[in-house]
PDB file of N, CA and C in Angstrom:
ATOM      1  N   MET A   1       8.577  -5.745  13.864  1.00  0.00           N
ATOM      2  CA  MET A   1       8.372  -4.602  12.832  1.00  0.00           C
ATOM      3  C   MET A   1       8.787  -5.420  11.419  1.00  0.00           C
ATOM      4  N   ILE A   2       8.348  -5.102  10.268  1.00  0.00           N
ATOM      5  CA  ILE A   2       8.913  -5.550   9.053  1.00  0.00           C
ATOM      6  C   ILE A   2       9.033  -4.096   8.278  1.00  0.00           C
ATOM      7  N   SER A   3      10.484  -4.230   7.827  1.00  0.00           N
ATOM      8  CA  SER A   3      10.908  -2.871   6.926  1.00  0.00           C
ATOM      9  C   SER A   3      11.246  -3.633   5.663  1.00  0.00           C
ATOM     10  N   PHE A   4      11.275  -2.912   4.770  1.00  0.00           N
ATOM     11  CA  PHE A   4      11.250  -2.884   3.391  1.00  0.00           C
ATOM     12  C   PHE A   4      12.642  -1.483   3.171  1.00  0.00           C
ATOM     13  N   GLY A   5      13.528  -2.100   1.970  1.00  0.00           N
ATOM     14  CA  GLY A   5      14.490  -1.145   1.572  1.00  0.00           C
ATOM     15  C   GLY A   5      13.707   0.666   0.910  1.00  0.00           C
ATOM     16  N   SER A   6      14.514   1.409   0.881  1.00  0.00           N
ATOM     17  CA  SER A   6      14.174   2.388   0.292  1.00  0.00           C
ATOM     18  C   SER A   6      14.103   2.472  -0.772  1.00  0.00           C
ATOM     19  N   ASP A   7      14.245   1.636  -1.698  1.00  0.00           N
ATOM     20  CA  ASP A   7      14.133   1.692  -2.938  1.00  0.00           C
ATOM     21  C   ASP A   7      12.885   0.937  -3.349  1.00  0.00           C
ATOM     22  N   VAL A   8      12.290   0.454  -2.261  1.00  0.00           N
ATOM     23  CA  VAL A   8      10.795  -0.203  -2.729  1.00  0.00           C
ATOM     24  C   VAL A   8       9.559   0.116  -3.060  1.00  0.00           C
ATOM     25  N   ARG A   9       8.654  -0.190  -3.866  1.00  0.00           N
ATOM     26  CA  ARG A   9       7.912   0.360  -4.634  1.00  0.00           C
ATOM     27  C   ARG A   9       6.724   0.195  -4.067  1.00  0.00           C
ATOM     28  N   VAL A  10       5.757   0.923  -3.516  1.00  0.00           N
ATOM     29  CA  VAL A  10       4.519   0.230  -2.652  1.00  0.00           C
ATOM     30  C   VAL A  10       3.432   0.830  -3.140  1.00  0.00           C
ATOM     31  N   PHE A  11       2.340   0.392  -3.363  1.00  0.00           N
ATOM     32  CA  PHE A  11       1.092   0.486  -4.118  1.00  0.00           C
ATOM     33  C   PHE A  11      -0.111   0.290  -3.215  1.00  0.00           C
ATOM     34  N   VAL A  12      -0.902   1.477  -2.875  1.00  0.00           N
ATOM     35  CA  VAL A  12      -1.697   1.096  -1.602  1.00  0.00           C
ATOM     36  C   VAL A  12      -3.332   0.945  -3.012  1.00  0.00           C
ATOM     37  N   ALA A  13      -4.204   0.336  -2.882  1.00  0.00           N
ATOM     38  CA  ALA A  13      -5.346   0.015  -3.528  1.00  0.00           C
ATOM     39  C   ALA A  13      -6.128   0.889  -2.541  1.00  0.00           C
ATOM     40  N   THR A  14      -6.703   2.380  -3.153  1.00  0.00           N
ATOM     41  CA  THR A  14      -8.109   2.964  -2.517  1.00  0.00           C
ATOM     42  C   THR A  14      -9.017   2.258  -2.301  1.00  0.00           C
ATOM     43  N   GLN A  15      -9.521   1.455  -3.109  1.00  0.00           N
ATOM     44  CA  GLN A  15     -10.729   0.893  -2.815  1.00  0.00           C
ATOM     45  C   GLN A  15     -10.537   0.008  -1.530  1.00  0.00           C
ATOM     46  N   PRO A  16     -11.549  -0.046  -0.770  1.00  0.00           N
ATOM     47  CA  PRO A  16     -11.802  -1.454   0.435  1.00  0.00           C
ATOM     48  C   PRO A  16     -12.245  -2.808  -0.750  1.00  0.00           C
ATOM     49  N   ILE A  17     -11.413  -3.413   0.249  1.00  0.00           N
ATOM     50  CA  ILE A  17     -11.447  -5.119  -0.549  1.00  0.00           C
ATOM     51  C   ILE A  17     -11.923  -5.964   0.360  1.00  0.00           C
ATOM     52  N   ASP A  18     -12.540  -7.124  -0.189  1.00  0.00           N
ATOM     53  CA  ASP A  18     -13.024  -8.302   0.472  1.00  0.00           C
ATOM     54  C   ASP A  18     -12.116  -8.775   1.411  1.00  0.00           C
ATOM     55  N   PHE A  19     -12.222  -9.006   2.674  1.00  0.00           N
ATOM     56  CA  PHE A  19     -11.241  -8.941   3.214  1.00  0.00           C
ATOM     57  C   PHE A  19     -11.169 -10.890   3.678  1.00  0.00           C
ATOM     58  N   ARG A  20     -12.057 -11.243   2.759  1.00  0.00           N
ATOM     59  CA  ARG A  20     -12.414 -12.853   2.820  1.00  0.00           C
ATOM     60  C   ARG A  20     -10.772 -13.362   1.822  1.00  0.00           C
ATOM     61  N   LYS A  21     -10.261 -12.269   1.126  1.00  0.00           N
ATOM     62  CA  LYS A  21      -9.337 -12.667  -0.258  1.00  0.00           C
ATOM     63  C   LYS A  21      -8.103 -13.271   0.574  1.00  0.00           C
ATOM     64  N   GLY A  22      -7.876 -14.596  -0.030  1.00  0.00           N
ATOM     65  CA  GLY A  22      -6.405 -14.960   0.298  1.00  0.00           C
ATOM     66  C   GLY A  22      -5.407 -14.493  -0.608  1.00  0.00           C
ATOM     67  N   VAL A  23      -3.928 -14.961  -0.647  1.00  0.00           N
ATOM     68  CA  VAL A  23      -3.319 -15.028  -1.651  1.00  0.00           C
ATOM     69  C   VAL A  23      -3.382 -14.946  -3.107  1.00  0.00           C
ATOM     70  N   HIS A  24      -4.271 -15.870  -3.435  1.00  0.00           N
ATOM     71  CA  HIS A  24      -4.662 -16.291  -4.659  1.00  0.00           C
ATOM     72  C   HIS A  24      -5.372 -14.997  -5.644  1.00  0.00           C
ATOM     73  N   GLY A  25      -6.882 -14.501  -4.439  1.00  0.00           N
ATOM     74  CA  GLY A  25      -7.514 -13.621  -4.863  1.00  0.00           C
ATOM     75  C   GLY A  25      -6.948 -12.282  -4.876  1.00  0.00           C
ATOM     76  N   LEU A  26      -5.556 -12.110  -4.224  1.00  0.00           N
ATOM     77  CA  LEU A  26      -5.053 -10.836  -4.014  1.00  0.00           C
ATOM     78  C   LEU A  26      -4.375 -10.470  -5.739  1.00  0.00           C
ATOM     79  N   ILE A  27      -3.877 -11.854  -5.678  1.00  0.00           N
ATOM     80  CA  ILE A  27      -2.446 -11.815  -6.902  1.00  0.00           C
ATOM     81  C   ILE A  27      -3.383 -11.321  -8.041  1.00  0.00           C
ATOM     82  N   GLY A  28      -4.758 -11.779  -8.311  1.00  0.00           N
ATOM     83  CA  GLY A  28      -5.368 -11.704  -9.226  1.00  0.00           C
ATOM     84  C   GLY A  28      -5.977 -10.009  -9.415  1.00  0.00           C
ATOM     85  N   LEU A  29      -6.193  -9.768  -7.933  1.00  0.00           N
ATOM     86  CA  LEU A  29      -6.474  -8.226  -8.142  1.00  0.00           C
ATOM     87  C   LEU A  29      -5.313  -7.244  -8.622  1.00  0.00           C
ATOM     88  N   VAL A  30      -3.937  -7.614  -8.091  1.00  0.00           N
ATOM     89  CA  VAL A  30      -3.357  -6.802  -8.495  1.00  0.00           C
ATOM     90  C   VAL A  30      -2.939  -6.646 -10.167  1.00  0.00           C
ATOM     91  N   ALA A  31      -3.111  -8.339 -10.952  1.00  0.00           N
ATOM     92  CA  ALA A  31      -3.125  -8.557 -11.774  1.00  0.00           C
ATOM     93  C   ALA A  31      -4.302  -7.573 -13.000  1.00  0.00           C
ATOM     94  N   GLU A  32      -5.600  -7.919 -12.249  1.00  0.00           N
ATOM     95  CA  GLU A  32      -6.208  -7.642 -13.245  1.00  0.00           C
ATOM     96  C   GLU A  32      -7.021  -6.172 -12.824  1.00  0.00           C
ATOM     97  N   GLY A  33      -7.359  -6.039 -11.815  1.00  0.00           N
ATOM     98  CA  GLY A  33      -7.857  -4.748 -10.958  1.00  0.00           C
ATOM     99  C   GLY A  33      -6.547  -3.340 -10.791  1.00  0.00           C
ATOM    100  N   LEU A  34      -5.644  -3.722 -10.605  1.00  0.00           N
ATOM    101  CA  LEU A  34      -4.534  -2.574 -10.172  1.00  0.00           C
ATOM    102  C   LEU A  34      -3.547  -2.392 -11.305  1.00  0.00           C
ATOM    103  N   ASN A  35      -3.581  -3.401 -12.655  1.00  0.00           N
ATOM    104  CA  ASN A  35      -3.164  -3.475 -13.674  1.00  0.00           C
ATOM    105  C   ASN A  35      -1.260  -3.542 -13.086  1.00  0.00           C
ATOM    106  N   GLY A  36      -0.808  -4.389 -12.149  1.00  0.00           N
ATOM    107  CA  GLY A  36       0.203  -4.326 -11.389  1.00  0.00           C
ATOM    108  C   GLY A  36       1.035  -5.894 -11.655  1.00  0.00           C
ATOM    109  N   ALA A  37       1.668  -6.018 -11.145  1.00  0.00           N
ATOM    110  CA  ALA A  37       2.649  -7.477 -11.515  1.00  0.00           C
ATOM    111  C   ALA A  37       3.020  -7.638 -10.405  1.00  0.00           C
ATOM    112  N   PRO A  38       2.183  -8.487  -9.582  1.00  0.00           N
ATOM    113  CA  PRO A  38       2.348  -9.378  -8.319  1.00  0.00           C
ATOM    114  C   PRO A  38       3.336 -10.042  -7.801  1.00  0.00           C
ATOM    115  N   TYR A  39       4.477 -10.320  -9.190  1.00  0.00           N
ATOM    116  CA  TYR A  39       5.483 -11.034  -9.065  1.00  0.00           C
ATOM    117  C   TYR A  39       6.729 -10.026  -9.143  1.00  0.00           C
ATOM    118  N   SER A  40       6.965  -9.027  -8.670  1.00  0.00           N
ATOM    119  CA  SER A  40       7.271  -8.290  -9.381  1.00  0.00           C
ATOM    120  C   SER A  40       8.642  -7.782  -8.207  1.00  0.00           C
ATOM    121  N   GLY A  41       8.173  -8.170  -6.934  1.00  0.00           N
ATOM    122  CA  GLY A  41       8.481  -7.457  -5.765  1.00  0.00           C
ATOM    123  C   GLY A  41       8.340  -6.124  -4.967  1.00  0.00           C
ATOM    124  N   ASP A  42       7.550  -5.517  -5.621  1.00  0.00           N
ATOM    125  CA  ASP A  42       6.593  -4.321  -5.364  1.00  0.00           C
ATOM    126  C   ASP A  42       5.693  -4.980  -3.951  1.00  0.00           C
ATOM    127  N   VAL A  43       5.607  -4.053  -3.353  1.00  0.00           N
ATOM    128  CA  VAL A  43       4.692  -3.891  -2.024  1.00  0.00           C
ATOM    129  C   VAL A  43       3.166  -4.044  -2.536  1.00  0.00           C
ATOM    130  N   PHE A  44       1.883  -4.752  -2.411  1.00  0.00           N
ATOM    131  CA  PHE A  44       0.762  -3.927  -2.323  1.00  0.00           C
ATOM    132  C   PHE A  44       0.088  -4.063  -1.117  1.00  0.00           C
ATOM    133  N   VAL A  45      -0.406  -3.044  -0.381  1.00  0.00           N
ATOM    134  CA  VAL A  45      -1.395  -2.756   0.418  1.00  0.00           C
ATOM    135  C   VAL A  45      -2.791  -2.387   0.234  1.00  0.00           C
ATOM    136  N   PHE A  46      -3.387  -3.386   0.988  1.00  0.00           N
ATOM    137  CA  PHE A  46      -4.847  -3.366   0.694  1.00  0.00           C
ATOM    138  C   PHE A  46      -5.738  -3.334   2.057  1.00  0.00           C
ATOM    139  N   ARG A  47      -6.861  -2.234   1.804  1.00  0.00           N
ATOM    140  CA  ARG A  47      -7.392  -1.722   2.787  1.00  0.00           C
ATOM    141  C   ARG A  47      -8.566  -2.482   3.314  1.00  0.00           C
ATOM    142  N   SER A  48      -9.442  -2.860   4.145  1.00  0.00           N
ATOM    143  CA  SER A  48     -10.510  -3.295   4.527  1.00  0.00           C
ATOM    144  C   SER A  48     -11.577  -2.304   5.250  1.00  0.00           C
ATOM    145  N   LYS A  49     -13.052  -2.630   4.884  1.00  0.00           N
ATOM    146  CA  LYS A  49     -14.128  -1.568   5.001  1.00  0.00           C
ATOM    147  C   LYS A  49     -13.894  -1.221   6.209  1.00  0.00           C
ATOM    148  N   ARG A  50     -13.286  -1.861   7.604  1.00  0.00           N
ATOM    149  CA  ARG A  50     -12.984  -0.870   8.795  1.00  0.00           C
ATOM    150  C   ARG A  50     -11.713  -0.641   8.711  1.00  0.00           C
ATOM    151  N   PRO A  51     -11.616   0.676   9.118  1.00  0.00           N
ATOM    152  CA  PRO A  51     -10.589   1.046   8.976  1.00  0.00           C
ATOM    153  C   PRO A  51      -9.282   0.981   9.844  1.00  0.00           C
ATOM    154  N   ASP A  52      -9.388  -0.308  10.944  1.00  0.00           N
ATOM    155  CA  ASP A  52      -7.838  -0.823  11.883  1.00  0.00           C
ATOM    156  C   ASP A  52      -7.851  -1.894  10.859  1.00  0.00           C
ATOM    157  N   ARG A  53      -7.926  -2.508   9.987  1.00  0.00           N
ATOM    158  CA  ARG A  53      -7.117  -3.437   9.352  1.00  0.00           C
ATOM    159  C   ARG A  53      -6.741  -3.296   7.925  1.00  0.00           C
ATOM    160  N   LEU A  54      -5.451  -3.825   7.562  1.00  0.00           N
ATOM    161  CA  LEU A  54      -5.040  -3.912   6.267  1.00  0.00           C
ATOM    162  C   LEU A  54      -4.139  -5.140   6.118  1.00  0.00           C
ATOM    163  N   LYS A  55      -4.124  -5.582   4.709  1.00  0.00           N
ATOM    164  CA  LYS A  55      -3.005  -6.963   4.356  1.00  0.00           C
ATOM    165  C   LYS A  55      -2.109  -6.078   3.332  1.00  0.00           C
ATOM    166  N   ILE A  56      -0.887  -6.770   3.473  1.00  0.00           N
ATOM    167  CA  ILE A  56       0.142  -6.392   2.604  1.00  0.00           C
ATOM    168  C   ILE A  56       0.391  -7.755   1.720  1.00  0.00           C
ATOM    169  N   LEU A  57       0.929  -7.544   0.298  1.00  0.00           N
ATOM    170  CA  LEU A  57       0.996  -9.004  -0.459  1.00  0.00           C
ATOM    171  C   LEU A  57       2.592  -8.337  -1.088  1.00  0.00           C
ATOM    172  N   VAL A  58       3.720  -9.380  -0.819  1.00  0.00           N
ATOM    173  CA  VAL A  58       4.743  -9.186  -1.480  1.00  0.00           C
ATOM    174  C   VAL A  58       5.187 -10.385  -1.682  1.00  0.00           C
ATOM    175  N   PHE A  59       6.079 -10.372  -3.076  1.00  0.00           N
ATOM    176  CA  PHE A  59       6.811 -11.704  -3.750  1.00  0.00           C
ATOM    177  C   PHE A  59       8.296 -11.472  -3.467  1.00  0.00           C
ATOM    178  N   ASP A  60       9.393 -11.989  -2.632  1.00  0.00           N
ATOM    179  CA  ASP A  60      10.253 -12.147  -1.979  1.00  0.00           C
ATOM    180  C   ASP A  60      11.375 -12.752  -3.195  1.00  0.00           C
ATOM    181  N   GLY A  61      11.037 -13.308  -4.436  1.00  0.00           N
ATOM    182  CA  GLY A  61      11.840 -13.704  -5.059  1.00  0.00           C
ATOM    183  C   GLY A  61      11.757 -15.101  -4.797  1.00  0.00           C
ATOM    184  N   THR A  62      11.050 -16.193  -3.690  1.00  0.00           N
ATOM    185  CA  THR A  62      10.988 -17.098  -3.617  1.00  0.00           C
ATOM    186  C   THR A  62       9.952 -17.525  -3.030  1.00  0.00           C
ATOM    187  N   GLY A  63       9.073 -16.824  -2.888  1.00  0.00           N
ATOM    188  CA  GLY A  63       7.483 -17.396  -2.611  1.00  0.00           C
ATOM    189  C   GLY A  63       6.762 -15.769  -2.055  1.00  0.00           C
ATOM    190  N   MET A  64       5.270 -16.012  -2.201  1.00  0.00           N
ATOM    191  CA  MET A  64       4.475 -15.040  -1.897  1.00  0.00           C
ATOM    192  C   MET A  64       4.205 -14.880  -0.308  1.00  0.00           C
ATOM    193  N   TRP A  65       4.396 -13.356   0.446  1.00  0.00           N
ATOM    194  CA  TRP A  65       4.140 -12.928   1.599  1.00  0.00           C
ATOM    195  C   TRP A  65       2.203 -12.336   1.738  1.00  0.00           C
ATOM    196  N   LEU A  66       1.707 -12.890   2.375  1.00  0.00           N
ATOM    197  CA  LEU A  66       0.525 -12.300   2.267  1.00  0.00           C
ATOM    198  C   LEU A  66       0.650 -12.048   4.251  1.00  0.00           C
ATOM    199  N   MET A  67       0.810 -10.642   4.661  1.00  0.00           N
ATOM    200  CA  MET A  67       0.760 -10.161   5.849  1.00  0.00           C
ATOM    201  C   MET A  67      -0.748  -9.263   6.273  1.00  0.00           C
ATOM    202  N   THR A  68      -1.172  -9.733   7.423  1.00  0.00           N
ATOM    203  CA  THR A  68      -2.171  -8.714   8.336  1.00  0.00           C
ATOM    204  C   THR A  68      -2.000  -8.206   9.324  1.00  0.00           C
ATOM    205  N   LYS A  69      -2.652  -7.035   8.937  1.00  0.00           N
ATOM    206  CA  LYS A  69      -2.358  -6.380  10.421  1.00  0.00           C
ATOM    207  C   LYS A  69      -3.681  -5.948  10.754  1.00  0.00           C
ATOM    208  N   TRP A  70      -3.732  -5.883  12.104  1.00  0.00           N
ATOM    209  CA  TRP A  70      -5.088  -4.970  12.560  1.00  0.00           C
ATOM    210  C   TRP A  70      -4.681  -4.785  14.103  1.00  0.00           C
ATOM    211  N   LEU A  71      -5.338  -3.532  14.318  1.00  0.00           N
ATOM    212  CA  LEU A  71      -4.747  -2.478  15.021  1.00  0.00           C
ATOM    213  C   LEU A  71      -5.602  -2.847  16.346  1.00  0.00           C
ATOM    214  N   GLU A  72      -4.978  -3.340  17.573  1.00  0.00           N
ATOM    215  CA  GLU A  72      -5.874  -3.908  18.641  1.00  0.00           C
ATOM    216  C   GLU A  72      -6.761  -2.916  19.712  1.00  0.00           C
ATOM    217  N   LEU A  73      -5.789  -1.559  19.401  1.00  0.00           N
ATOM    218  CA  LEU A  73      -6.082  -0.597  20.813  1.00  0.00           C
ATOM    219  C   LEU A  73      -7.301  -0.512  20.145  1.00  0.00           C
ATOM    220  N   GLU A  74      -8.073   0.367  21.801  1.00  0.00           N
ATOM    221  CA  GLU A  74      -9.702   0.522  21.321  1.00  0.00           C
ATOM    222  C   GLU A  74      -9.251   1.850  20.156  1.00  0.00           C
ATOM    223  N   GLY A  75     -10.694   2.027  19.414  1.00  0.00           N
ATOM    224  CA  GLY A  75     -10.470   3.264  18.402  1.00  0.00           C
ATOM    225  C   GLY A  75      -9.298   3.476  18.047  1.00  0.00           C
ATOM    226  N   GLY A  76      -8.276   2.604  17.796  1.00  0.00           N
ATOM    227  CA  GLY A  76      -7.100   2.416  16.381  1.00  0.00           C
ATOM    228  C   GLY A  76      -7.809   2.153  15.279  1.00  0.00           C
ATOM    229  N   ARG A  77      -7.376   3.476  14.444  1.00  0.00           N
ATOM    230  CA  ARG A  77      -7.534   3.258  12.922  1.00  0.00           C
ATOM    231  C   ARG A  77      -6.255   3.696  12.254  1.00  0.00           C
ATOM    232  N   PHE A  78      -5.863   2.831  10.913  1.00  0.00           N
ATOM    233  CA  PHE A  78      -5.234   3.360  10.049  1.00  0.00           C
ATOM    234  C   PHE A  78      -5.444   4.708   9.322  1.00  0.00           C
ATOM    235  N   ALA A  79      -4.720   5.415   8.899  1.00  0.00           N
ATOM    236  CA  ALA A  79      -5.317   6.958   8.476  1.00  0.00           C
ATOM    237  C   ALA A  79      -4.927   6.519   6.581  1.00  0.00           C
ATOM    238  N   TRP A  80      -6.197   6.050   6.399  1.00  0.00           N
ATOM    239  CA  TRP A  80      -6.374   5.862   4.667  1.00  0.00           C
ATOM    240  C   TRP A  80      -6.572   7.514   3.772  1.00  0.00           C
ATOM    241  N   PRO A  81      -6.347   7.461   2.621  1.00  0.00           N
ATOM    242  CA  PRO A  81      -6.798   8.733   1.853  1.00  0.00           C
ATOM    243  C   PRO A  81      -8.222   8.081   1.479  1.00  0.00           C
ATOM    244  N   PRO A  82      -8.885   9.670   1.098  1.00  0.00           N
ATOM    245  CA  PRO A  82      -9.988   9.383   0.520  1.00  0.00           C
ATOM    246  C   PRO A  82     -10.487   8.090  -0.517  1.00  0.00           C
ATOM    247  N   ILE A  83     -11.287   7.329  -0.489  1.00  0.00           N
ATOM    248  CA  ILE A  83     -11.692   5.865  -1.138  1.00  0.00           C
ATOM    249  C   ILE A  83     -11.919   6.510  -2.617  1.00  0.00           C
ATOM    250  N   ARG A  84     -10.979   6.087  -4.109  1.00  0.00           N
ATOM    251  CA  ARG A  84     -11.493   6.621  -5.191  1.00  0.00           C
ATOM    252  C   ARG A  84     -11.137   5.471  -5.910  1.00  0.00           C
ATOM    253  N   GLU A  85     -11.424   5.194  -7.198  1.00  0.00           N
ATOM    254  CA  GLU A  85     -10.674   4.666  -8.248  1.00  0.00           C
ATOM    255  C   GLU A  85      -9.204   4.065  -7.623  1.00  0.00           C
ATOM    256  N   GLY A  86      -8.502   3.016  -7.938  1.00  0.00           N
ATOM    257  CA  GLY A  86      -7.148   2.784  -8.352  1.00  0.00           C
ATOM    258  C   GLY A  86      -6.513   2.700  -7.247  1.00  0.00           C
ATOM    259  N   LYS A  87      -5.147   3.646  -7.795  1.00  0.00           N
ATOM    260  CA  LYS A  87      -4.098   3.080  -6.706  1.00  0.00           C
ATOM    261  C   LYS A  87      -3.716   4.165  -6.687  1.00  0.00           C
ATOM    262  N   MET A  88      -2.137   4.172  -5.223  1.00  0.00           N
ATOM    263  CA  MET A  88      -1.283   4.909  -4.723  1.00  0.00           C
ATOM    264  C   MET A  88      -0.117   4.980  -4.679  1.00  0.00           C
ATOM    265  N   MET A  89       0.749   5.276  -4.934  1.00  0.00           N
ATOM    266  CA  MET A  89       2.099   5.309  -4.314  1.00  0.00           C
ATOM    267  C   MET A  89       2.638   5.686  -3.547  1.00  0.00           C
ATOM    268  N   LEU A  90       3.362   5.232  -2.352  1.00  0.00           N
ATOM    269  CA  LEU A  90       4.163   5.195  -1.597  1.00  0.00           C
ATOM    270  C   LEU A  90       5.616   5.197  -1.166  1.00  0.00           C
ATOM    271  N   SER A  91       6.114   6.122  -0.514  1.00  0.00           N
ATOM    272  CA  SER A  91       7.346   5.981  -0.125  1.00  0.00           C
ATOM    273  C   SER A  91       7.254   4.413   0.762  1.00  0.00           C
ATOM    274  N   ALA A  92       8.704   4.051   0.993  1.00  0.00           N
ATOM    275  CA  ALA A  92       9.186   3.265   2.350  1.00  0.00           C
ATOM    276  C   ALA A  92       9.039   3.884   3.337  1.00  0.00           C
ATOM    277  N   THR A  93       9.428   5.224   4.004  1.00  0.00           N
ATOM    278  CA  THR A  93       8.900   5.794   5.132  1.00  0.00           C
ATOM    279  C   THR A  93       7.386   6.072   4.780  1.00  0.00           C
ATOM    280  N   GLN A  94       6.711   6.438   4.157  1.00  0.00           N
ATOM    281  CA  GLN A  94       5.135   6.578   4.590  1.00  0.00           C
ATOM    282  C   GLN A  94       4.275   5.276   4.774  1.00  0.00           C
ATOM    283  N   LEU A  95       5.111   4.113   4.144  1.00  0.00           N
ATOM    284  CA  LEU A  95       4.205   2.793   4.635  1.00  0.00           C
ATOM    285  C   LEU A  95       4.681   2.455   6.037  1.00  0.00           C
ATOM    286  N   ALA A  96       6.033   2.855   6.314  1.00  0.00           N
ATOM    287  CA  ALA A  96       6.640   2.429   8.077  1.00  0.00           C
ATOM    288  C   ALA A  96       5.085   3.074   8.919  1.00  0.00           C
ATOM    289  N   MET A  97       5.136   4.614   8.608  1.00  0.00           N
ATOM    290  CA  MET A  97       3.913   5.514   9.059  1.00  0.00           C
ATOM    291  C   MET A  97       2.596   5.295   8.924  1.00  0.00           C
ATOM    292  N   LEU A  98       2.479   4.427   7.826  1.00  0.00           N
ATOM    293  CA  LEU A  98       1.018   4.039   7.751  1.00  0.00           C
ATOM    294  C   LEU A  98       0.706   2.506   9.068  1.00  0.00           C
ATOM    295  N   LEU A  99       1.748   1.868   8.744  1.00  0.00           N
ATOM    296  CA  LEU A  99       1.749   0.613   9.284  1.00  0.00           C
ATOM    297  C   LEU A  99       1.547   0.699  11.213  1.00  0.00           C
ATOM    298  N   ASP A 100       2.210   2.110  11.441  1.00  0.00           N
ATOM    299  CA  ASP A 100       2.661   2.349  12.890  1.00  0.00           C
ATOM    300  C   ASP A 100       1.398   3.180  13.006  1.00  0.00           C
ATOM    301  N   GLY A 101      -0.084   3.158  11.770  1.00  0.00           N
ATOM    302  CA  GLY A 101      -0.620   4.074  12.563  1.00  0.00           C
ATOM    303  C   GLY A 101      -0.889   5.715  12.309  1.00  0.00           C
ATOM    304  N   LEU A 102      -0.074   6.189  11.960  1.00  0.00           N
ATOM    305  CA  LEU A 102       0.298   7.343  11.819  1.00  0.00           C
ATOM    306  C   LEU A 102      -0.334   8.101  10.670  1.00  0.00           C
ATOM    307  N   SER A 103      -1.052   9.403  11.331  1.00  0.00           N
ATOM    308  CA  SER A 103      -1.801  10.566  10.136  1.00  0.00           C
ATOM    309  C   SER A 103      -0.959  10.997   9.170  1.00  0.00           C
ATOM    310  N   GLU A 104       0.488  11.200   9.785  1.00  0.00           N
ATOM    311  CA  GLU A 104       1.682  12.346   8.956  1.00  0.00           C
ATOM    312  C   GLU A 104       1.355  11.877   7.527  1.00  0.00           C
ATOM    313  N   TRP A 105       1.892  10.289   7.342  1.00  0.00           N
ATOM    314  CA  TRP A 105       1.833  10.078   6.193  1.00  0.00           C
ATOM    315  C   TRP A 105       1.180  10.471   4.754  1.00  0.00           C
ATOM    316  N   LEU A 106      -0.027  10.966   5.051  1.00  0.00           N
ATOM    317  CA  LEU A 106      -0.593  11.738   4.122  1.00  0.00           C
ATOM    318  C   LEU A 106      -0.441  13.054   3.652  1.00  0.00           C
ATOM    319  N   LYS A 107       0.640  13.537   4.869  1.00  0.00           N
ATOM    320  CA  LYS A 107       0.506  15.045   4.688  1.00  0.00           C
ATOM    321  C   LYS A 107       2.347  15.286   3.666  1.00  0.00           C
ATOM    322  N   ILE A 108       2.905  14.583   3.674  1.00  0.00           N
ATOM    323  CA  ILE A 108       4.165  13.997   2.837  1.00  0.00           C
ATOM    324  C   ILE A 108       4.159  13.290   1.250  1.00  0.00           C
ATOM    325  N   ALA A 109       2.912  13.260   0.710  1.00  0.00           N
ATOM    326  CA  ALA A 109       2.974  12.673  -0.133  1.00  0.00           C
ATOM    327  C   ALA A 109       3.615  13.221  -1.499  1.00  0.00           C
ATOM    328  N   PRO A 110       4.588  12.215  -2.415  1.00  0.00           N
ATOM    329  CA  PRO A 110       5.272  12.969  -3.083  1.00  0.00           C
ATOM    330  C   PRO A 110       4.736  13.958  -3.808  1.00  0.00           C
ATOM    331  N   ARG A 111       5.550  14.814  -4.424  1.00  0.00           N
ATOM    332  CA  ARG A 111       5.526  15.879  -5.245  1.00  0.00           C
ATOM    333  C   ARG A 111       5.624  15.817  -6.614  1.00  0.00           C
ATOM    334  N   PRO A 112       4.966  16.172  -7.712  1.00  0.00           N
ATOM    335  CA  PRO A 112       5.190  15.830  -9.165  1.00  0.00           C
ATOM    336  C   PRO A 112       6.717  16.964  -8.948  1.00  0.00           C
ATOM    337  N   ALA A 113       7.353  15.889 -10.435  1.00  0.00           N
ATOM    338  CA  ALA A 113       8.846  16.822 -10.851  1.00  0.00           C
ATOM    339  C   ALA A 113       8.743  18.147 -11.669  1.00  0.00           C
ATOM    340  N   ALA A 114       8.997  19.220 -11.423  1.00  0.00           N
ATOM    341  CA  ALA A 114       8.994  20.264 -12.102  1.00  0.00           C
ATOM    342  C   ALA A 114       9.019  20.152 -13.302  1.00  0.00           C
ATOM    343  N   ARG A 115       8.817  21.086 -14.090  1.00  0.00           N
ATOM    344  CA  ARG A 115       9.285  20.908 -15.798  1.00  0.00           C
ATOM    345  C   ARG A 115      10.450  21.415 -15.837  1.00  0.00           C
ATOM    346  N   PRO A 116      11.131  21.195 -16.569  1.00  0.00           N
ATOM    347  CA  PRO A 116      12.914  21.747 -16.899  1.00  0.00           C
ATOM    348  C   PRO A 116      12.210  23.134 -17.753  1.00  0.00           C
ATOM    349  N   ILE A 117      13.064  24.203 -17.538  1.00  0.00           N
ATOM    350  CA  ILE A 117      12.465  25.567 -18.148  1.00  0.00           C
ATOM    351  C   ILE A 117      13.727  25.560 -19.250  1.00  0.00           C
ATOM    352  N   LYS A 118      13.159  26.120 -20.575  1.00  0.00           N
ATOM    353  CA  LYS A 118      13.590  26.107 -21.670  1.00  0.00           C
ATOM    354  C   LYS A 118      14.899  27.857 -21.477  1.00  0.00           C
ATOM    355  N   THR A 119      15.834  27.151 -21.685  1.00  0.00           N
ATOM    356  CA  THR A 119      17.102  28.755 -21.982  1.00  0.00           C
ATOM    357  C   THR A 119      17.258  28.705 -23.169  1.00  0.00           C
ATOM    358  N   ALA A 120      17.432  30.004 -23.314  1.00  0.00           N
ATOM    359  CA  ALA A 120      17.866  30.376 -24.562  1.00  0.00           C
ATOM    360  C   ALA A 120      19.572  30.490 -25.037  1.00  0.00           C
TER     361      ALA A 120
END
């Protein structure tokens, strides 16, 4: 199992990609399509049109990693959010749950910060 520190920023592209794309194609997609910084150390997760496959792109300071995971179990599928434009951000815990094929990560989405209350 691959793990990342708890302070890592994880972005999931919510639209399926052409799974034939390699490192250079995904770097371009991060930079132009997601307005991200591919060499920042952030983790970028991409979904396939098939629900049982994903790709992860991350720069570790010395080189670019491209990881692919296919669920081999019969009927195995990753739990994906609804398809829409853009990206969403996950915690390291949510990423671990996604990679394990668990759907519970969708239930613990980060909540927006509460607005401060003015006191007199």
